[in-house]
Amino acid sequence: METQDQADFLKRHGCDVAQGYLYAKPMNIEQIADRFFNRDGTESLPGDDPIPSDV
């Protein structure tokens, strides 16, 4: 997903899960680990970096 229009279209049609440039650029493994895991290896989800609720 790249644009807000695409997100709006899918949301109107019942899709509540998406990925793409609208939310984040591609990441290498180190960036993924930094974003989704704490230093002790535990998950930092949910709530630490929420997806916008209006999408």
N, C-alpha and C. Protein backbone atom coordinates (compact mmCIF):
# COMPACT_ATOMS: atom_id res chain seq x y z
N MET A 1 0.84 -1.15 0.00
CA MET A 1 0.00 0.00 0.00
C MET A 1 0.89 1.22 0.00
N GLU A 2 0.58 2.16 -0.89
CA GLU A 2 1.45 3.32 -1.01
C GLU A 2 0.76 4.65 -0.75
N THR A 3 -0.55 4.70 -0.87
CA THR A 3 -1.24 5.98 -0.72
C THR A 3 -2.40 5.88 0.28
N GLN A 4 -2.79 7.02 0.80
CA GLN A 4 -3.93 7.05 1.71
C GLN A 4 -5.21 6.66 0.97
N ASP A 5 -5.31 7.02 -0.31
CA ASP A 5 -6.48 6.62 -1.10
C ASP A 5 -6.62 5.10 -1.16
N GLN A 6 -5.50 4.41 -1.34
CA GLN A 6 -5.54 2.94 -1.35
C GLN A 6 -5.99 2.40 0.01
N ALA A 7 -5.47 2.98 1.07
CA ALA A 7 -5.86 2.55 2.42
C ALA A 7 -7.35 2.78 2.65
N ASP A 8 -7.83 3.93 2.23
CA ASP A 8 -9.25 4.25 2.41
C ASP A 8 -10.12 3.27 1.63
N PHE A 9 -9.75 2.96 0.41
CA PHE A 9 -10.50 2.02 -0.42
C PHE A 9 -10.59 0.65 0.26
N LEU A 10 -9.45 0.13 0.70
CA LEU A 10 -9.45 -1.18 1.33
C LEU A 10 -10.25 -1.18 2.64
N LYS A 11 -10.12 -0.12 3.42
CA LYS A 11 -10.87 -0.01 4.67
C LYS A 11 -12.37 -0.03 4.40
N ARG A 12 -12.81 0.69 3.37
CA ARG A 12 -14.23 0.72 3.01
C ARG A 12 -14.73 -0.67 2.59
N HIS A 13 -13.82 -1.50 2.10
CA HIS A 13 -14.20 -2.83 1.64
C HIS A 13 -13.87 -3.93 2.66
N GLY A 14 -13.70 -3.52 3.91
CA GLY A 14 -13.56 -4.49 4.99
C GLY A 14 -12.16 -4.99 5.28
N CYS A 15 -11.17 -4.45 4.62
CA CYS A 15 -9.79 -4.88 4.86
C CYS A 15 -9.21 -4.05 6.01
N ASP A 16 -8.78 -4.72 7.07
CA ASP A 16 -8.21 -3.99 8.20
C ASP A 16 -6.75 -4.35 8.46
N VAL A 17 -6.12 -5.03 7.49
CA VAL A 17 -4.71 -5.37 7.60
C VAL A 17 -4.03 -4.99 6.29
N ALA A 18 -2.89 -4.31 6.39
CA ALA A 18 -2.18 -3.90 5.18
C ALA A 18 -0.72 -3.67 5.50
N GLN A 19 0.09 -3.62 4.46
CA GLN A 19 1.50 -3.28 4.62
C GLN A 19 1.91 -2.44 3.42
N GLY A 20 3.03 -1.77 3.54
CA GLY A 20 3.54 -1.01 2.41
C GLY A 20 4.18 0.30 2.81
N TYR A 21 4.58 1.06 1.80
CA TYR A 21 5.29 2.32 2.01
C TYR A 21 4.49 3.33 2.81
N LEU A 22 3.17 3.24 2.78
CA LEU A 22 2.37 4.18 3.57
C LEU A 22 2.70 4.07 5.05
N TYR A 23 3.04 2.88 5.49
CA TYR A 23 3.32 2.64 6.91
C TYR A 23 4.80 2.61 7.24
N ALA A 24 5.61 2.03 6.36
CA ALA A 24 7.05 1.94 6.62
C ALA A 24 7.77 1.53 5.34
N LYS A 25 8.98 2.03 5.20
CA LYS A 25 9.83 1.63 4.08
C LYS A 25 10.42 0.25 4.37
N PRO A 26 10.88 -0.46 3.35
CA PRO A 26 11.52 -1.76 3.59
C PRO A 26 12.65 -1.63 4.61
N MET A 27 12.79 -2.66 5.44
CA MET A 27 13.81 -2.66 6.50
C MET A 27 14.69 -3.89 6.38
N ASN A 28 15.97 -3.71 6.78
CA ASN A 28 16.84 -4.88 6.87
C ASN A 28 16.61 -5.54 8.22
N ILE A 29 17.22 -6.67 8.44
CA ILE A 29 16.95 -7.46 9.65
C ILE A 29 17.27 -6.70 10.93
N GLU A 30 18.32 -5.88 10.92
CA GLU A 30 18.66 -5.12 12.11
C GLU A 30 17.59 -4.07 12.41
N GLN A 31 17.07 -3.43 11.38
CA GLN A 31 16.02 -2.43 11.58
C GLN A 31 14.73 -3.08 12.09
N ILE A 32 14.42 -4.27 11.58
CA ILE A 32 13.24 -4.99 12.05
C ILE A 32 13.39 -5.33 13.53
N ALA A 33 14.55 -5.85 13.90
CA ALA A 33 14.79 -6.20 15.30
C ALA A 33 14.69 -4.97 16.19
N ASP A 34 15.27 -3.84 15.76
CA ASP A 34 15.20 -2.62 16.55
C ASP A 34 13.77 -2.13 16.71
N ARG A 35 12.98 -2.28 15.66
CA ARG A 35 11.62 -1.76 15.71
C ARG A 35 10.66 -2.65 16.51
N PHE A 36 10.81 -3.96 16.41
CA PHE A 36 9.82 -4.86 16.97
C PHE A 36 10.25 -5.63 18.21
N PHE A 37 11.50 -5.50 18.61
CA PHE A 37 11.96 -6.23 19.80
C PHE A 37 12.74 -5.31 20.73
N ASN A 38 12.58 -5.55 22.02
CA ASN A 38 13.36 -4.83 23.03
C ASN A 38 14.76 -5.42 23.08
N ARG A 39 15.64 -4.77 23.74
CA ARG A 39 17.03 -5.24 23.82
C ARG A 39 17.14 -6.61 24.50
N ASP A 40 16.18 -6.94 25.35
CA ASP A 40 16.23 -8.24 26.03
C ASP A 40 15.58 -9.35 25.21
N GLY A 41 15.15 -9.03 23.97
CA GLY A 41 14.58 -10.04 23.09
C GLY A 41 13.07 -10.18 23.18
N THR A 42 12.44 -9.49 24.12
CA THR A 42 10.99 -9.56 24.22
C THR A 42 10.36 -8.65 23.17
N GLU A 43 9.15 -9.02 22.74
CA GLU A 43 8.45 -8.21 21.74
C GLU A 43 8.10 -6.86 22.32
N SER A 44 8.19 -5.82 21.49
CA SER A 44 7.81 -4.49 21.91
C SER A 44 6.41 -4.13 21.42
N LEU A 45 5.68 -5.11 20.93
CA LEU A 45 4.32 -4.90 20.45
C LEU A 45 3.33 -5.39 21.49
N PRO A 46 2.10 -5.01 21.52
CA PRO A 46 1.52 -3.92 20.76
C PRO A 46 1.66 -2.61 21.51
N GLY A 47 1.38 -1.53 20.84
CA GLY A 47 1.29 -0.23 21.48
C GLY A 47 2.54 0.61 21.47
N ASP A 48 3.71 0.03 21.27
CA ASP A 48 4.92 0.84 21.29
C ASP A 48 5.06 1.70 20.03
N ASP A 49 4.55 1.21 18.91
CA ASP A 49 4.65 1.92 17.64
C ASP A 49 3.35 1.63 16.86
N PRO A 50 2.24 2.19 17.32
CA PRO A 50 0.95 1.80 16.77
C PRO A 50 0.75 2.22 15.32
N ILE A 51 -0.04 1.41 14.60
CA ILE A 51 -0.48 1.78 13.26
C ILE A 51 -1.59 2.80 13.41
N PRO A 52 -1.61 3.83 12.58
CA PRO A 52 -2.65 4.85 12.72
C PRO A 52 -4.04 4.25 12.71
N SER A 53 -4.90 4.68 13.63
CA SER A 53 -6.24 4.11 13.74
C SER A 53 -7.17 4.58 12.64
N ASP A 54 -6.80 5.67 11.96
CA ASP A 54 -7.68 6.19 10.91
C ASP A 54 -7.48 5.51 9.57
N VAL A 55 -6.62 4.50 9.51
CA VAL A 55 -6.36 3.80 8.24
C VAL A 55 -7.13 2.50 8.22
